[in-house]
PDB file of N, CA and C in Angstrom:
ATOM      1  N   MET A   1      25.170  -9.654  12.731  1.00  0.00           N
ATOM      2  CA  MET A   1      23.837  -8.804  12.204  1.00  0.00           C
ATOM      3  C   MET A   1      23.859  -7.354  12.712  1.00  0.00           C
ATOM      4  N   SER A   2      23.922  -6.688  11.768  1.00  0.00           N
ATOM      5  CA  SER A   2      23.854  -5.062  12.213  1.00  0.00           C
ATOM      6  C   SER A   2      22.018  -4.263  11.973  1.00  0.00           C
ATOM      7  N   VAL A   3      21.985  -3.559  12.407  1.00  0.00           N
ATOM      8  CA  VAL A   3      20.796  -2.918  12.200  1.00  0.00           C
ATOM      9  C   VAL A   3      20.873  -1.977  11.057  1.00  0.00           C
ATOM     10  N   ALA A   4      20.142  -2.050  10.287  1.00  0.00           N
ATOM     11  CA  ALA A   4      20.423  -1.044   8.985  1.00  0.00           C
ATOM     12  C   ALA A   4      18.786  -0.352   8.804  1.00  0.00           C
ATOM     13  N   HIS A   5      19.190   0.912   8.401  1.00  0.00           N
ATOM     14  CA  HIS A   5      17.823   1.810   8.236  1.00  0.00           C
ATOM     15  C   HIS A   5      17.486   1.583   6.435  1.00  0.00           C
ATOM     16  N   GLN A   6      16.568   1.500   6.261  1.00  0.00           N
ATOM     17  CA  GLN A   6      16.229   1.351   4.684  1.00  0.00           C
ATOM     18  C   GLN A   6      16.746   2.662   3.755  1.00  0.00           C
ATOM     19  N   PRO A   7      17.132   2.329   2.907  1.00  0.00           N
ATOM     20  CA  PRO A   7      17.645   3.205   2.040  1.00  0.00           C
ATOM     21  C   PRO A   7      16.178   4.073   1.477  1.00  0.00           C
ATOM     22  N   SER A   8      16.662   5.016   0.672  1.00  0.00           N
ATOM     23  CA  SER A   8      15.565   5.752   0.116  1.00  0.00           C
ATOM     24  C   SER A   8      15.159   5.207  -1.431  1.00  0.00           C
ATOM     25  N   ILE A   9      15.721   4.251  -1.672  1.00  0.00           N
ATOM     26  CA  ILE A   9      14.970   3.363  -2.933  1.00  0.00           C
ATOM     27  C   ILE A   9      14.403   2.707  -2.555  1.00  0.00           C
ATOM     28  N   GLU A  10      13.362   2.277  -3.499  1.00  0.00           N
ATOM     29  CA  GLU A  10      12.499   1.346  -3.524  1.00  0.00           C
ATOM     30  C   GLU A  10      12.851  -0.168  -3.328  1.00  0.00           C
ATOM     31  N   LEU A  11      12.660  -0.857  -2.353  1.00  0.00           N
ATOM     32  CA  LEU A  11      13.358  -2.354  -2.161  1.00  0.00           C
ATOM     33  C   LEU A  11      12.078  -3.174  -2.487  1.00  0.00           C
ATOM     34  N   ASN A  12      12.166  -4.298  -3.116  1.00  0.00           N
ATOM     35  CA  ASN A  12      11.542  -5.046  -3.201  1.00  0.00           C
ATOM     36  C   ASN A  12      11.197  -6.259  -2.141  1.00  0.00           C
ATOM     37  N   TRP A  13      10.043  -5.772  -0.948  1.00  0.00           N
ATOM     38  CA  TRP A  13      10.072  -6.510   0.043  1.00  0.00           C
ATOM     39  C   TRP A  13       8.948  -7.791  -0.413  1.00  0.00           C
ATOM     40  N   PHE A  14       9.342  -8.963   0.539  1.00  0.00           N
ATOM     41  CA  PHE A  14       8.312 -10.025   0.177  1.00  0.00           C
ATOM     42  C   PHE A  14       8.296 -10.963   1.608  1.00  0.00           C
ATOM     43  N   LYS A  15       6.946 -11.374   1.767  1.00  0.00           N
ATOM     44  CA  LYS A  15       6.753 -11.895   3.093  1.00  0.00           C
ATOM     45  C   LYS A  15       6.810 -13.612   2.978  1.00  0.00           C
ATOM     46  N   SER A  16       7.252 -14.244   4.111  1.00  0.00           N
ATOM     47  CA  SER A  16       7.263 -15.616   3.994  1.00  0.00           C
ATOM     48  C   SER A  16       5.744 -16.469   3.770  1.00  0.00           C
ATOM     49  N   SER A  17       5.887 -17.396   3.023  1.00  0.00           N
ATOM     50  CA  SER A  17       4.522 -18.106   2.878  1.00  0.00           C
ATOM     51  C   SER A  17       4.165 -18.814   4.194  1.00  0.00           C
ATOM     52  N   TYR A  18       5.327 -18.818   5.177  1.00  0.00           N
ATOM     53  CA  TYR A  18       5.001 -19.399   6.486  1.00  0.00           C
ATOM     54  C   TYR A  18       4.306 -18.244   7.354  1.00  0.00           C
ATOM     55  N   SER A  19       4.441 -17.380   7.097  1.00  0.00           N
ATOM     56  CA  SER A  19       3.889 -16.140   8.011  1.00  0.00           C
ATOM     57  C   SER A  19       2.179 -16.581   8.324  1.00  0.00           C
ATOM     58  N   GLY A  20       2.004 -16.105   9.723  1.00  0.00           N
ATOM     59  CA  GLY A  20       0.753 -16.296  10.262  1.00  0.00           C
ATOM     60  C   GLY A  20      -0.238 -15.822   9.384  1.00  0.00           C
ATOM     61  N   GLY A  21      -1.515 -16.328   9.881  1.00  0.00           N
ATOM     62  CA  GLY A  21      -2.662 -16.111   9.006  1.00  0.00           C
ATOM     63  C   GLY A  21      -3.181 -14.958   9.151  1.00  0.00           C
ATOM     64  N   ASN A  22      -2.767 -13.713  10.162  1.00  0.00           N
ATOM     65  CA  ASN A  22      -3.102 -12.540  10.324  1.00  0.00           C
ATOM     66  C   ASN A  22      -2.139 -11.627   9.898  1.00  0.00           C
ATOM     67  N   ALA A  23      -2.269 -10.357   9.551  1.00  0.00           N
ATOM     68  CA  ALA A  23      -1.498  -9.557   9.254  1.00  0.00           C
ATOM     69  C   ALA A  23      -0.337  -9.201  10.223  1.00  0.00           C
ATOM     70  N   THR A  24      -0.432  -9.594  11.457  1.00  0.00           N
ATOM     71  CA  THR A  24       0.367  -9.154  12.449  1.00  0.00           C
ATOM     72  C   THR A  24       1.507 -10.023  13.015  1.00  0.00           C
ATOM     73  N   GLU A  25       1.561 -10.976  12.061  1.00  0.00           N
ATOM     74  CA  GLU A  25       2.767 -12.000  12.710  1.00  0.00           C
ATOM     75  C   GLU A  25       3.469 -12.558  11.450  1.00  0.00           C
ATOM     76  N   CYS A  26       4.232 -11.254  10.597  1.00  0.00           N
ATOM     77  CA  CYS A  26       4.802 -11.393   9.455  1.00  0.00           C
ATOM     78  C   CYS A  26       6.099 -10.800   9.596  1.00  0.00           C
ATOM     79  N   LEU A  27       7.040 -11.612   8.790  1.00  0.00           N
ATOM     80  CA  LEU A  27       8.468 -10.840   8.833  1.00  0.00           C
ATOM     81  C   LEU A  27       8.436 -10.727   7.236  1.00  0.00           C
ATOM     82  N   GLU A  28       9.087  -9.601   6.898  1.00  0.00           N
ATOM     83  CA  GLU A  28       9.353  -9.194   5.474  1.00  0.00           C
ATOM     84  C   GLU A  28      10.818  -9.487   5.196  1.00  0.00           C
ATOM     85  N   CYS A  29      11.240  -9.486   4.053  1.00  0.00           N
ATOM     86  CA  CYS A  29      12.660  -9.556   3.734  1.00  0.00           C
ATOM     87  C   CYS A  29      12.703  -9.070   2.218  1.00  0.00           C
ATOM     88  N   ALA A  30      14.068  -8.299   2.030  1.00  0.00           N
ATOM     89  CA  ALA A  30      14.403  -7.736   0.799  1.00  0.00           C
ATOM     90  C   ALA A  30      15.801  -8.158   0.506  1.00  0.00           C
ATOM     91  N   HIS A  31      16.160  -8.590  -0.756  1.00  0.00           N
ATOM     92  CA  HIS A  31      17.385  -9.041  -1.270  1.00  0.00           C
ATOM     93  C   HIS A  31      18.045  -7.343  -1.629  1.00  0.00           C
ATOM     94  N   VAL A  32      19.451  -7.267  -1.050  1.00  0.00           N
ATOM     95  CA  VAL A  32      20.116  -6.164  -1.492  1.00  0.00           C
ATOM     96  C   VAL A  32      21.589  -6.778  -2.142  1.00  0.00           C
ATOM     97  N   THR A  33      22.394  -5.903  -2.146  1.00  0.00           N
ATOM     98  CA  THR A  33      23.783  -6.441  -3.221  1.00  0.00           C
ATOM     99  C   THR A  33      24.462  -7.261  -2.138  1.00  0.00           C
ATOM    100  N   HIS A  34      24.953  -7.170  -0.761  1.00  0.00           N
ATOM    101  CA  HIS A  34      25.464  -8.090  -0.002  1.00  0.00           C
ATOM    102  C   HIS A  34      24.881  -8.877   1.237  1.00  0.00           C
ATOM    103  N   SER A  35      23.774  -8.302   1.045  1.00  0.00           N
ATOM    104  CA  SER A  35      22.828  -8.987   2.110  1.00  0.00           C
ATOM    105  C   SER A  35      21.278  -9.133   2.248  1.00  0.00           C
ATOM    106  N   VAL A  36      20.870  -9.658   3.041  1.00  0.00           N
ATOM    107  CA  VAL A  36      18.909  -9.766   3.191  1.00  0.00           C
ATOM    108  C   VAL A  36      18.575  -8.467   4.429  1.00  0.00           C
ATOM    109  N   LEU A  37      17.782  -8.060   3.870  1.00  0.00           N
ATOM    110  CA  LEU A  37      17.145  -7.144   5.278  1.00  0.00           C
ATOM    111  C   LEU A  37      15.857  -7.903   5.401  1.00  0.00           C
ATOM    112  N   ILE A  38      15.809  -7.850   6.712  1.00  0.00           N
ATOM    113  CA  ILE A  38      14.581  -8.328   7.853  1.00  0.00           C
ATOM    114  C   ILE A  38      13.844  -7.169   8.654  1.00  0.00           C
ATOM    115  N   ARG A  39      12.446  -7.134   8.483  1.00  0.00           N
ATOM    116  CA  ARG A  39      11.932  -6.399   8.962  1.00  0.00           C
ATOM    117  C   ARG A  39      10.668  -7.073   9.657  1.00  0.00           C
ATOM    118  N   ASP A  40       9.870  -6.539  10.739  1.00  0.00           N
ATOM    119  CA  ASP A  40       8.617  -6.667  10.900  1.00  0.00           C
ATOM    120  C   ASP A  40       7.702  -5.984  10.221  1.00  0.00           C
ATOM    121  N   SER A  41       6.674  -6.656   9.596  1.00  0.00           N
ATOM    122  CA  SER A  41       5.949  -6.208   8.785  1.00  0.00           C
ATOM    123  C   SER A  41       4.935  -5.080   9.595  1.00  0.00           C
ATOM    124  N   LYS A  42       4.842  -4.900  10.564  1.00  0.00           N
ATOM    125  CA  LYS A  42       3.747  -3.926  11.436  1.00  0.00           C
ATOM    126  C   LYS A  42       4.737  -2.753  11.965  1.00  0.00           C
ATOM    127  N   GLU A  43       6.155  -2.742  11.789  1.00  0.00           N
ATOM    128  CA  GLU A  43       6.807  -1.965  12.152  1.00  0.00           C
ATOM    129  C   GLU A  43       7.517  -1.229  10.673  1.00  0.00           C
ATOM    130  N   ASN A  44       7.283  -1.620   9.814  1.00  0.00           N
ATOM    131  CA  ASN A  44       7.916  -1.155   8.554  1.00  0.00           C
ATOM    132  C   ASN A  44       7.728   0.434   8.055  1.00  0.00           C
ATOM    133  N   ALA A  45       6.912   1.230   8.606  1.00  0.00           N
ATOM    134  CA  ALA A  45       6.779   2.561   8.686  1.00  0.00           C
ATOM    135  C   ALA A  45       7.911   3.456   9.178  1.00  0.00           C
ATOM    136  N   GLU A  46       8.719   2.903  10.125  1.00  0.00           N
ATOM    137  CA  GLU A  46       9.598   3.407  10.863  1.00  0.00           C
ATOM    138  C   GLU A  46      11.020   3.211  10.106  1.00  0.00           C
ATOM    139  N   GLY A  47      10.824   2.352   9.258  1.00  0.00           N
ATOM    140  CA  GLY A  47      12.163   1.898   8.301  1.00  0.00           C
ATOM    141  C   GLY A  47      13.430   1.414   9.159  1.00  0.00           C
ATOM    142  N   ARG A  48      13.086   0.418  10.079  1.00  0.00           N
ATOM    143  CA  ARG A  48      14.014  -0.182  10.817  1.00  0.00           C
ATOM    144  C   ARG A  48      14.197  -1.827  10.390  1.00  0.00           C
ATOM    145  N   ALA A  49      15.334  -2.094  10.017  1.00  0.00           N
ATOM    146  CA  ALA A  49      15.443  -3.677   9.492  1.00  0.00           C
ATOM    147  C   ALA A  49      16.870  -3.936   9.894  1.00  0.00           C
ATOM    148  N   VAL A  50      16.844  -5.622   9.994  1.00  0.00           N
ATOM    149  CA  VAL A  50      18.166  -6.100  10.432  1.00  0.00           C
ATOM    150  C   VAL A  50      18.977  -6.421   9.176  1.00  0.00           C
ATOM    151  N   SER A  51      20.221  -6.303   9.159  1.00  0.00           N
ATOM    152  CA  SER A  51      20.636  -7.022   7.763  1.00  0.00           C
ATOM    153  C   SER A  51      21.746  -8.005   8.149  1.00  0.00           C
ATOM    154  N   VAL A  52      21.435  -9.035   7.153  1.00  0.00           N
ATOM    155  CA  VAL A  52      22.041 -10.427   7.519  1.00  0.00           C
ATOM    156  C   VAL A  52      22.808 -10.735   6.309  1.00  0.00           C
ATOM    157  N   ARG A  53      24.212 -10.646   6.251  1.00  0.00           N
ATOM    158  CA  ARG A  53      25.091 -11.119   5.059  1.00  0.00           C
ATOM    159  C   ARG A  53      24.538 -12.297   4.503  1.00  0.00           C
ATOM    160  N   HIS A  54      24.671 -12.369   3.013  1.00  0.00           N
ATOM    161  CA  HIS A  54      24.107 -13.811   2.140  1.00  0.00           C
ATOM    162  C   HIS A  54      24.780 -14.890   2.625  1.00  0.00           C
ATOM    163  N   GLU A  55      25.998 -14.875   3.435  1.00  0.00           N
ATOM    164  CA  GLU A  55      26.825 -16.120   3.803  1.00  0.00           C
ATOM    165  C   GLU A  55      26.300 -16.487   4.630  1.00  0.00           C
ATOM    166  N   ALA A  56      25.635 -15.745   5.837  1.00  0.00           N
ATOM    167  CA  ALA A  56      24.744 -16.378   6.727  1.00  0.00           C
ATOM    168  C   ALA A  56      23.228 -17.015   6.411  1.00  0.00           C
ATOM    169  N   TRP A  57      23.014 -15.950   5.617  1.00  0.00           N
ATOM    170  CA  TRP A  57      21.234 -16.163   5.183  1.00  0.00           C
ATOM    171  C   TRP A  57      21.141 -17.562   4.368  1.00  0.00           C
ATOM    172  N   ARG A  58      22.212 -17.612   3.609  1.00  0.00           N
ATOM    173  CA  ARG A  58      21.874 -19.044   2.669  1.00  0.00           C
ATOM    174  C   ARG A  58      21.730 -20.446   3.497  1.00  0.00           C
ATOM    175  N   PRO A  59      22.597 -20.559   4.318  1.00  0.00           N
ATOM    176  CA  PRO A  59      22.659 -21.778   5.103  1.00  0.00           C
ATOM    177  C   PRO A  59      21.396 -22.053   6.212  1.00  0.00           C
ATOM    178  N   PHE A  60      20.944 -20.357   6.853  1.00  0.00           N
ATOM    179  CA  PHE A  60      19.774 -20.544   7.395  1.00  0.00           C
ATOM    180  C   PHE A  60      18.695 -21.062   6.864  1.00  0.00           C
ATOM    181  N   VAL A  61      18.378 -20.280   5.745  1.00  0.00           N
ATOM    182  CA  VAL A  61      17.395 -20.970   4.616  1.00  0.00           C
ATOM    183  C   VAL A  61      17.422 -22.452   4.407  1.00  0.00           C
ATOM    184  N   ARG A  62      18.469 -22.889   4.188  1.00  0.00           N
ATOM    185  CA  ARG A  62      18.780 -23.877   3.654  1.00  0.00           C
ATOM    186  C   ARG A  62      18.246 -25.077   4.954  1.00  0.00           C
ATOM    187  N   ALA A  63      18.430 -24.736   5.843  1.00  0.00           N
ATOM    188  CA  ALA A  63      18.415 -25.558   7.251  1.00  0.00           C
ATOM    189  C   ALA A  63      16.700 -25.332   7.448  1.00  0.00           C
ATOM    190  N   ILE A  64      16.425 -24.309   7.480  1.00  0.00           N
ATOM    191  CA  ILE A  64      14.789 -24.230   7.496  1.00  0.00           C
ATOM    192  C   ILE A  64      13.890 -25.198   6.594  1.00  0.00           C
ATOM    193  N   ARG A  65      14.509 -24.769   5.018  1.00  0.00           N
ATOM    194  CA  ARG A  65      13.857 -25.688   4.168  1.00  0.00           C
ATOM    195  C   ARG A  65      13.902 -27.271   4.601  1.00  0.00           C
ATOM    196  N   ASN A  66      15.054 -27.576   5.014  1.00  0.00           N
ATOM    197  CA  ASN A  66      15.191 -29.436   5.490  1.00  0.00           C
ATOM    198  C   ASN A  66      15.091 -29.616   6.674  1.00  0.00           C
ATOM    199  N   LYS A  67      14.237 -28.442   7.640  1.00  0.00           N
ATOM    200  CA  LYS A  67      13.941 -28.898   8.860  1.00  0.00           C
ATOM    201  C   LYS A  67      14.877 -29.318   9.830  1.00  0.00           C
ATOM    202  N   GLN A  68      15.843 -28.630   9.482  1.00  0.00           N
ATOM    203  CA  GLN A  68      17.086 -28.824  10.462  1.00  0.00           C
ATOM    204  C   GLN A  68      17.309 -28.088  11.675  1.00  0.00           C
ATOM    205  N   GLY A  69      17.847 -28.078  12.536  1.00  0.00           N
ATOM    206  CA  GLY A  69      17.801 -27.539  13.729  1.00  0.00           C
ATOM    207  C   GLY A  69      19.130 -26.820  13.712  1.00  0.00           C
ATOM    208  N   PHE A  70      19.326 -25.808  14.702  1.00  0.00           N
ATOM    209  CA  PHE A  70      20.771 -25.085  14.558  1.00  0.00           C
ATOM    210  C   PHE A  70      21.253 -25.260  16.294  1.00  0.00           C
ATOM    211  N   ASP A  71      22.579 -25.845  16.710  1.00  0.00           N
ATOM    212  CA  ASP A  71      23.093 -25.653  17.824  1.00  0.00           C
ATOM    213  C   ASP A  71      23.619 -24.596  18.005  1.00  0.00           C
ATOM    214  N   VAL A  72      23.175 -23.590  18.533  1.00  0.00           N
ATOM    215  CA  VAL A  72      23.627 -22.234  18.793  1.00  0.00           C
ATOM    216  C   VAL A  72      23.714 -22.024  20.169  1.00  0.00           C
ATOM    217  N   ALA A  73      24.669 -21.597  21.209  1.00  0.00           N
ATOM    218  CA  ALA A  73      24.634 -21.149  22.338  1.00  0.00           C
ATOM    219  C   ALA A  73      24.039 -19.838  22.438  1.00  0.00           C
ATOM    220  N   LEU A  74      23.152 -19.826  23.217  1.00  0.00           N
ATOM    221  CA  LEU A  74      22.529 -18.479  23.317  1.00  0.00           C
ATOM    222  C   LEU A  74      23.807 -17.359  24.183  1.00  0.00           C
ATOM    223  N   GLY A  75      23.769 -16.020  23.973  1.00  0.00           N
ATOM    224  CA  GLY A  75      24.570 -15.045  24.322  1.00  0.00           C
ATOM    225  C   GLY A  75      25.850 -15.219  24.142  1.00  0.00           C
ATOM    226  N   SER A  76      25.959 -16.070  22.830  1.00  0.00           N
ATOM    227  CA  SER A  76      27.422 -16.112  22.243  1.00  0.00           C
ATOM    228  C   SER A  76      27.728 -15.276  21.185  1.00  0.00           C
TER     229      SER A  76
END
């Protein structure tokens, strides 16, 4: 993953339907050419986002939808 600054073009950001009930617990995502940008909805004025390549995003979302866990060692 890398930190990406939002480009000057208008992006179509969307919030997860699983976001918390109040507006302070949301992540927003936007699809771009080769990746997905992820940002904290309350930090969006600063233009910071994390970029995740589609090759990593798709299995992540699939696992979440199927309620599967990930066996990932922390710090690796």
